[in-house]
């Protein structure tokens, strides 16, 4: 699924299995690696409601550490 980040250390001992992390904007999962127009603005302060949630990737989930990281690049045009 190209909307789910793999867990840091996935497959290693102590790391959860069967879950990943999904980034969400306005209740819609973000497709990783794609550009997204957030909104048009006239300037000033803006807010972008980005959230992260755990997402089940397998029918079996095992407990463990469940961290992920992502880099977000913003371009103002």
PDB file of N, CA and C in Angstrom:
ATOM      1  N   UNK A   1       0.854  -1.185   0.000  1.00  0.00           N
ATOM      2  CA  UNK A   1       0.000   0.000   0.000  1.00  0.00           C
ATOM      3  C   UNK A   1       0.891   1.236   0.000  1.00  0.00           C
ATOM      4  N   UNK A   2       0.738   2.102  -0.984  1.00  0.00           N
ATOM      5  CA  UNK A   2       1.617   3.268  -1.100  1.00  0.00           C
ATOM      6  C   UNK A   2       1.138   4.449  -0.254  1.00  0.00           C
ATOM      7  N   UNK A   3       0.281   4.176   0.726  1.00  0.00           N
ATOM      8  CA  UNK A   3      -0.110   5.206   1.685  1.00  0.00           C
ATOM      9  C   UNK A   3       0.387   4.882   3.091  1.00  0.00           C
ATOM     10  N   UNK A   4       1.167   3.808   3.231  1.00  0.00           N
ATOM     11  CA  UNK A   4       1.575   3.354   4.568  1.00  0.00           C
ATOM     12  C   UNK A   4       3.095   3.341   4.684  1.00  0.00           C
ATOM     13  N   UNK A   5       3.601   4.008   5.713  1.00  0.00           N
ATOM     14  CA  UNK A   5       5.028   3.989   6.015  1.00  0.00           C
ATOM     15  C   UNK A   5       5.365   2.706   6.762  1.00  0.00           C
ATOM     16  N   UNK A   6       6.478   2.099   6.397  1.00  0.00           N
ATOM     17  CA  UNK A   6       6.963   0.929   7.136  1.00  0.00           C
ATOM     18  C   UNK A   6       7.482   1.384   8.494  1.00  0.00           C
ATOM     19  N   UNK A   7       7.392   0.511   9.462  1.00  0.00           N
ATOM     20  CA  UNK A   7       7.920   0.823  10.783  1.00  0.00           C
ATOM     21  C   UNK A   7       9.440   0.848  10.750  1.00  0.00           C
ATOM     22  N   UNK A   8      10.027   1.718  11.560  1.00  0.00           N
ATOM     23  CA  UNK A   8      11.476   1.769  11.698  1.00  0.00           C
ATOM     24  C   UNK A   8      11.955   0.441  12.274  1.00  0.00           C
ATOM     25  N   UNK A   9      12.891  -0.200  11.593  1.00  0.00           N
ATOM     26  CA  UNK A   9      13.403  -1.488  12.052  1.00  0.00           C
ATOM     27  C   UNK A   9      12.475  -2.648  11.754  1.00  0.00           C
ATOM     28  N   UNK A  10      11.573  -2.461  10.814  1.00  0.00           N
ATOM     29  CA  UNK A  10      10.602  -3.509  10.471  1.00  0.00           C
ATOM     30  C   UNK A  10      11.310  -4.842  10.243  1.00  0.00           C
ATOM     31  N   UNK A  11      10.779  -5.900  10.844  1.00  0.00           N
ATOM     32  CA  UNK A  11      11.361  -7.230  10.715  1.00  0.00           C
ATOM     33  C   UNK A  11      12.367  -7.556  11.804  1.00  0.00           C
ATOM     34  N   UNK A  12      12.755  -6.553  12.596  1.00  0.00           N
ATOM     35  CA  UNK A  12      13.714  -6.774  13.682  1.00  0.00           C
ATOM     36  C   UNK A  12      13.001  -7.218  14.952  1.00  0.00           C
ATOM     37  N   UNK A  13      13.760  -7.850  15.829  1.00  0.00           N
ATOM     38  CA  UNK A  13      13.205  -8.279  17.118  1.00  0.00           C
ATOM     39  C   UNK A  13      12.704  -7.070  17.898  1.00  0.00           C
ATOM     40  N   UNK A  14      11.550  -7.212  18.528  1.00  0.00           N
ATOM     41  CA  UNK A  14      10.995  -6.149  19.357  1.00  0.00           C
ATOM     42  C   UNK A  14      10.157  -5.123  18.623  1.00  0.00           C
ATOM     43  N   UNK A  15      10.123  -5.221  17.290  1.00  0.00           N
ATOM     44  CA  UNK A  15       9.338  -4.276  16.491  1.00  0.00           C
ATOM     45  C   UNK A  15       8.000  -4.928  16.150  1.00  0.00           C
ATOM     46  N   UNK A  16       6.928  -4.158  16.287  1.00  0.00           N
ATOM     47  CA  UNK A  16       5.585  -4.671  15.994  1.00  0.00           C
ATOM     48  C   UNK A  16       5.514  -5.194  14.563  1.00  0.00           C
ATOM     49  N   UNK A  17       4.598  -6.111  14.346  1.00  0.00           N
ATOM     50  CA  UNK A  17       4.387  -6.668  13.007  1.00  0.00           C
ATOM     51  C   UNK A  17       2.917  -6.523  12.643  1.00  0.00           C
ATOM     52  N   UNK A  18       2.672  -6.327  11.350  1.00  0.00           N
ATOM     53  CA  UNK A  18       1.302  -6.242  10.865  1.00  0.00           C
ATOM     54  C   UNK A  18       0.698  -4.853  10.911  1.00  0.00           C
ATOM     55  N   UNK A  19       1.523  -3.845  11.221  1.00  0.00           N
ATOM     56  CA  UNK A  19       1.045  -2.464  11.227  1.00  0.00           C
ATOM     57  C   UNK A  19       2.068  -1.551  10.574  1.00  0.00           C
ATOM     58  N   UNK A  20       1.603  -0.415  10.121  1.00  0.00           N
ATOM     59  CA  UNK A  20       2.447   0.648   9.606  1.00  0.00           C
ATOM     60  C   UNK A  20       1.848   1.963  10.073  1.00  0.00           C
ATOM     61  N   UNK A  21       2.373   3.053   9.560  1.00  0.00           N
ATOM     62  CA  UNK A  21       1.874   4.376   9.918  1.00  0.00           C
ATOM     63  C   UNK A  21       1.386   5.064   8.653  1.00  0.00           C
ATOM     64  N   UNK A  22       0.210   5.633   8.742  1.00  0.00           N
ATOM     65  CA  UNK A  22      -0.407   6.299   7.596  1.00  0.00           C
ATOM     66  C   UNK A  22      -0.532   7.791   7.916  1.00  0.00           C
ATOM     67  N   UNK A  23      -0.111   8.636   6.971  1.00  0.00           N
ATOM     68  CA  UNK A  23      -0.266  10.080   7.105  1.00  0.00           C
ATOM     69  C   UNK A  23      -1.577  10.486   6.456  1.00  0.00           C
ATOM     70  N   UNK A  24      -2.293  11.391   7.112  1.00  0.00           N
ATOM     71  CA  UNK A  24      -3.639  11.749   6.677  1.00  0.00           C
ATOM     72  C   UNK A  24      -3.770  13.268   6.611  1.00  0.00           C
ATOM     73  N   UNK A  25      -4.394  13.765   5.549  1.00  0.00           N
ATOM     74  CA  UNK A  25      -4.694  15.191   5.390  1.00  0.00           C
ATOM     75  C   UNK A  25      -6.179  15.326   5.089  1.00  0.00           C
ATOM     76  N   UNK A  26      -6.891  16.057   5.928  1.00  0.00           N
ATOM     77  CA  UNK A  26      -8.345  16.219   5.770  1.00  0.00           C
ATOM     78  C   UNK A  26      -9.056  14.871   5.664  1.00  0.00           C
ATOM     79  N   UNK A  27      -8.687  13.947   6.526  1.00  0.00           N
ATOM     80  CA  UNK A  27      -9.296  12.609   6.587  1.00  0.00           C
ATOM     81  C   UNK A  27      -9.039  11.746   5.359  1.00  0.00           C
ATOM     82  N   UNK A  28      -8.054  12.118   4.534  1.00  0.00           N
ATOM     83  CA  UNK A  28      -7.704  11.344   3.345  1.00  0.00           C
ATOM     84  C   UNK A  28      -6.250  10.897   3.456  1.00  0.00           C
ATOM     85  N   UNK A  29      -5.964   9.600   3.318  1.00  0.00           N
ATOM     86  CA  UNK A  29      -4.577   9.130   3.372  1.00  0.00           C
ATOM     87  C   UNK A  29      -3.735   9.757   2.257  1.00  0.00           C
ATOM     88  N   UNK A  30      -2.503  10.147   2.603  1.00  0.00           N
ATOM     89  CA  UNK A  30      -1.589  10.709   1.612  1.00  0.00           C
ATOM     90  C   UNK A  30      -0.887   9.586   0.866  1.00  0.00           C
ATOM     91  N   UNK A  31      -0.771   9.734  -0.440  1.00  0.00           N
ATOM     92  CA  UNK A  31       0.004   8.792  -1.239  1.00  0.00           C
ATOM     93  C   UNK A  31       1.463   9.208  -1.130  1.00  0.00           C
ATOM     94  N   UNK A  32       2.299   8.320  -0.635  1.00  0.00           N
ATOM     95  CA  UNK A  32       3.706   8.635  -0.400  1.00  0.00           C
ATOM     96  C   UNK A  32       4.423   8.922  -1.710  1.00  0.00           C
ATOM     97  N   UNK A  33       5.249   9.956  -1.709  1.00  0.00           N
ATOM     98  CA  UNK A  33       6.035  10.303  -2.879  1.00  0.00           C
ATOM     99  C   UNK A  33       5.318  11.168  -3.893  1.00  0.00           C
ATOM    100  N   UNK A  34       4.062  11.502  -3.648  1.00  0.00           N
ATOM    101  CA  UNK A  34       3.296  12.335  -4.579  1.00  0.00           C
ATOM    102  C   UNK A  34       3.210  13.768  -4.076  1.00  0.00           C
ATOM    103  N   UNK A  35       3.073  14.703  -5.017  1.00  0.00           N
ATOM    104  CA  UNK A  35       2.830  16.093  -4.656  1.00  0.00           C
ATOM    105  C   UNK A  35       1.366  16.263  -4.284  1.00  0.00           C
ATOM    106  N   UNK A  36       1.106  17.210  -3.418  1.00  0.00           N
ATOM    107  CA  UNK A  36      -0.253  17.478  -2.971  1.00  0.00           C
ATOM    108  C   UNK A  36      -0.429  18.983  -2.854  1.00  0.00           C
ATOM    109  N   UNK A  37      -1.437  19.530  -3.514  1.00  0.00           N
ATOM    110  CA  UNK A  37      -1.767  20.940  -3.346  1.00  0.00           C
ATOM    111  C   UNK A  37      -2.588  21.044  -2.070  1.00  0.00           C
ATOM    112  N   UNK A  38      -2.037  21.713  -1.066  1.00  0.00           N
ATOM    113  CA  UNK A  38      -2.723  21.798   0.217  1.00  0.00           C
ATOM    114  C   UNK A  38      -3.919  22.741   0.143  1.00  0.00           C
ATOM    115  N   UNK A  39      -3.678  23.969  -0.261  1.00  0.00           N
ATOM    116  CA  UNK A  39      -4.762  24.927  -0.464  1.00  0.00           C
ATOM    117  C   UNK A  39      -4.180  26.199  -1.053  1.00  0.00           C
ATOM    118  N   UNK A  40      -5.027  26.966  -1.670  1.00  0.00           N
ATOM    119  CA  UNK A  40      -4.622  28.272  -2.181  1.00  0.00           C
ATOM    120  C   UNK A  40      -4.781  29.271  -1.039  1.00  0.00           C
ATOM    121  N   UNK A  41      -3.877  30.241  -0.995  1.00  0.00           N
ATOM    122  CA  UNK A  41      -3.903  31.189   0.106  1.00  0.00           C
ATOM    123  C   UNK A  41      -3.636  32.601  -0.390  1.00  0.00           C
ATOM    124  N   UNK A  42      -4.112  33.559   0.356  1.00  0.00           N
ATOM    125  CA  UNK A  42      -3.826  34.963   0.059  1.00  0.00           C
ATOM    126  C   UNK A  42      -2.692  35.461   0.938  1.00  0.00           C
ATOM    127  N   UNK A  43      -2.111  34.583   1.704  1.00  0.00           N
ATOM    128  CA  UNK A  43      -1.003  34.946   2.581  1.00  0.00           C
ATOM    129  C   UNK A  43      -1.431  34.897   4.035  1.00  0.00           C
ATOM    130  N   UNK A  44      -0.493  35.182   4.906  1.00  0.00           N
ATOM    131  CA  UNK A  44      -0.791  35.142   6.331  1.00  0.00           C
ATOM    132  C   UNK A  44      -0.572  33.754   6.898  1.00  0.00           C
ATOM    133  N   UNK A  45      -1.085  33.526   8.072  1.00  0.00           N
ATOM    134  CA  UNK A  45      -0.914  32.246   8.756  1.00  0.00           C
ATOM    135  C   UNK A  45      -1.914  31.225   8.224  1.00  0.00           C
ATOM    136  N   UNK A  46      -1.422  30.029   7.967  1.00  0.00           N
ATOM    137  CA  UNK A  46      -2.274  28.938   7.478  1.00  0.00           C
ATOM    138  C   UNK A  46      -2.084  27.717   8.368  1.00  0.00           C
ATOM    139  N   UNK A  47      -3.074  26.858   8.386  1.00  0.00           N
ATOM    140  CA  UNK A  47      -2.985  25.597   9.121  1.00  0.00           C
ATOM    141  C   UNK A  47      -3.273  24.450   8.164  1.00  0.00           C
ATOM    142  N   UNK A  48      -2.519  23.381   8.320  1.00  0.00           N
ATOM    143  CA  UNK A  48      -2.693  22.196   7.491  1.00  0.00           C
ATOM    144  C   UNK A  48      -2.881  21.006   8.431  1.00  0.00           C
ATOM    145  N   UNK A  49      -4.088  20.460   8.512  1.00  0.00           N
ATOM    146  CA  UNK A  49      -4.386  19.400   9.487  1.00  0.00           C
ATOM    147  C   UNK A  49      -3.822  18.037   9.088  1.00  0.00           C
ATOM    148  N   UNK A  50      -2.504  17.879   9.236  1.00  0.00           N
ATOM    149  CA  UNK A  50      -1.849  16.598   8.965  1.00  0.00           C
ATOM    150  C   UNK A  50      -1.835  15.781  10.252  1.00  0.00           C
ATOM    151  N   UNK A  51      -2.195  14.526  10.150  1.00  0.00           N
ATOM    152  CA  UNK A  51      -2.151  13.635  11.301  1.00  0.00           C
ATOM    153  C   UNK A  51      -1.518  12.313  10.882  1.00  0.00           C
ATOM    154  N   UNK A  52      -1.160  11.532  11.864  1.00  0.00           N
ATOM    155  CA  UNK A  52      -0.621  10.190  11.608  1.00  0.00           C
ATOM    156  C   UNK A  52      -1.442   9.195  12.410  1.00  0.00           C
ATOM    157  N   UNK A  53      -1.608   8.013  11.845  1.00  0.00           N
ATOM    158  CA  UNK A  53      -2.356   6.967  12.545  1.00  0.00           C
ATOM    159  C   UNK A  53      -1.738   5.614  12.225  1.00  0.00           C
ATOM    160  N   UNK A  54      -1.914   4.683  13.142  1.00  0.00           N
ATOM    161  CA  UNK A  54      -1.491   3.316  12.861  1.00  0.00           C
ATOM    162  C   UNK A  54      -2.475   2.694  11.883  1.00  0.00           C
ATOM    163  N   UNK A  55      -1.949   1.860  10.998  1.00  0.00           N
ATOM    164  CA  UNK A  55      -2.777   1.241   9.962  1.00  0.00           C
ATOM    165  C   UNK A  55      -2.430  -0.243   9.906  1.00  0.00           C
ATOM    166  N   UNK A  56      -3.421  -1.086  10.056  1.00  0.00           N
ATOM    167  CA  UNK A  56      -3.195  -2.536  10.038  1.00  0.00           C
ATOM    168  C   UNK A  56      -2.885  -2.991   8.619  1.00  0.00           C
ATOM    169  N   UNK A  57      -1.749  -3.684   8.457  1.00  0.00           N
ATOM    170  CA  UNK A  57      -1.303  -4.134   7.137  1.00  0.00           C
ATOM    171  C   UNK A  57      -1.392  -5.638   6.954  1.00  0.00           C
ATOM    172  N   UNK A  58      -1.714  -6.349   8.024  1.00  0.00           N
ATOM    173  CA  UNK A  58      -1.784  -7.802   7.976  1.00  0.00           C
ATOM    174  C   UNK A  58      -2.913  -8.254   8.901  1.00  0.00           C
ATOM    175  N   UNK A  59      -3.440  -9.435   8.660  1.00  0.00           N
ATOM    176  CA  UNK A  59      -4.519  -9.927   9.524  1.00  0.00           C
ATOM    177  C   UNK A  59      -4.031 -10.212  10.936  1.00  0.00           C
ATOM    178  N   UNK A  60      -2.748 -10.531  11.077  1.00  0.00           N
ATOM    179  CA  UNK A  60      -2.170 -10.798  12.388  1.00  0.00           C
ATOM    180  C   UNK A  60      -1.267  -9.640  12.786  1.00  0.00           C
ATOM    181  N   UNK A  61      -1.506  -9.084  13.960  1.00  0.00           N
ATOM    182  CA  UNK A  61      -0.690  -7.995  14.489  1.00  0.00           C
ATOM    183  C   UNK A  61      -0.018  -8.485  15.756  1.00  0.00           C
ATOM    184  N   UNK A  62       1.296  -8.230  15.870  1.00  0.00           N
ATOM    185  CA  UNK A  62       2.016  -8.575  17.091  1.00  0.00           C
ATOM    186  C   UNK A  62       2.522  -7.301  17.744  1.00  0.00           C
ATOM    187  N   UNK A  63       2.545  -7.314  19.064  1.00  0.00           N
ATOM    188  CA  UNK A  63       2.954  -6.128  19.809  1.00  0.00           C
ATOM    189  C   UNK A  63       4.442  -5.869  19.656  1.00  0.00           C
ATOM    190  N   UNK A  64       4.821  -4.648  19.910  1.00  0.00           N
ATOM    191  CA  UNK A  64       6.216  -4.250  19.852  1.00  0.00           C
ATOM    192  C   UNK A  64       6.321  -2.760  19.598  1.00  0.00           C
ATOM    193  N   UNK A  65       7.534  -2.312  19.414  1.00  0.00           N
ATOM    194  CA  UNK A  65       7.779  -0.898  19.116  1.00  0.00           C
ATOM    195  C   UNK A  65       7.194  -0.591  17.746  1.00  0.00           C
ATOM    196  N   UNK A  66       6.510   0.538  17.643  1.00  0.00           N
ATOM    197  CA  UNK A  66       5.854   0.896  16.379  1.00  0.00           C
ATOM    198  C   UNK A  66       6.105   2.364  16.064  1.00  0.00           C
ATOM    199  N   UNK A  67       7.325   2.652  15.594  1.00  0.00           N
ATOM    200  CA  UNK A  67       7.710   4.006  15.211  1.00  0.00           C
ATOM    201  C   UNK A  67       7.962   4.060  13.714  1.00  0.00           C
ATOM    202  N   UNK A  68       7.771   5.223  13.136  1.00  0.00           N
ATOM    203  CA  UNK A  68       8.081   5.445  11.723  1.00  0.00           C
ATOM    204  C   UNK A  68       8.541   6.886  11.577  1.00  0.00           C
ATOM    205  N   UNK A  69       9.229   7.171  10.497  1.00  0.00           N
ATOM    206  CA  UNK A  69       9.629   8.558  10.244  1.00  0.00           C
ATOM    207  C   UNK A  69       9.358   8.903   8.791  1.00  0.00           C
ATOM    208  N   UNK A  70       9.133  10.184   8.567  1.00  0.00           N
ATOM    209  CA  UNK A  70       8.864  10.682   7.220  1.00  0.00           C
ATOM    210  C   UNK A  70       9.453  12.078   7.109  1.00  0.00           C
ATOM    211  N   UNK A  71       9.779  12.472   5.904  1.00  0.00           N
ATOM    212  CA  UNK A  71      10.239  13.825   5.633  1.00  0.00           C
ATOM    213  C   UNK A  71       9.183  14.521   4.800  1.00  0.00           C
ATOM    214  N   UNK A  72       8.758  15.680   5.255  1.00  0.00           N
ATOM    215  CA  UNK A  72       7.751  16.462   4.556  1.00  0.00           C
ATOM    216  C   UNK A  72       8.424  17.701   3.997  1.00  0.00           C
ATOM    217  N   UNK A  73       8.366  17.880   2.686  1.00  0.00           N
ATOM    218  CA  UNK A  73       8.942  19.055   2.041  1.00  0.00           C
ATOM    219  C   UNK A  73       7.815  19.945   1.545  1.00  0.00           C
ATOM    220  N   UNK A  74       7.818  21.199   1.982  1.00  0.00           N
ATOM    221  CA  UNK A  74       6.810  22.160   1.546  1.00  0.00           C
ATOM    222  C   UNK A  74       7.426  23.136   0.560  1.00  0.00           C
ATOM    223  N   UNK A  75       6.723  23.398  -0.524  1.00  0.00           N
ATOM    224  CA  UNK A  75       7.154  24.379  -1.512  1.00  0.00           C
ATOM    225  C   UNK A  75       6.059  25.418  -1.651  1.00  0.00           C
ATOM    226  N   UNK A  76       6.406  26.664  -1.416  1.00  0.00           N
ATOM    227  CA  UNK A  76       5.437  27.750  -1.561  1.00  0.00           C
ATOM    228  C   UNK A  76       5.608  28.341  -2.947  1.00  0.00           C
ATOM    229  N   UNK A  77       4.545  28.335  -3.733  1.00  0.00           N
ATOM    230  CA  UNK A  77       4.619  28.871  -5.099  1.00  0.00           C
ATOM    231  C   UNK A  77       3.646  30.005  -5.265  1.00  0.00           C
TER     232      UNK A  77
END
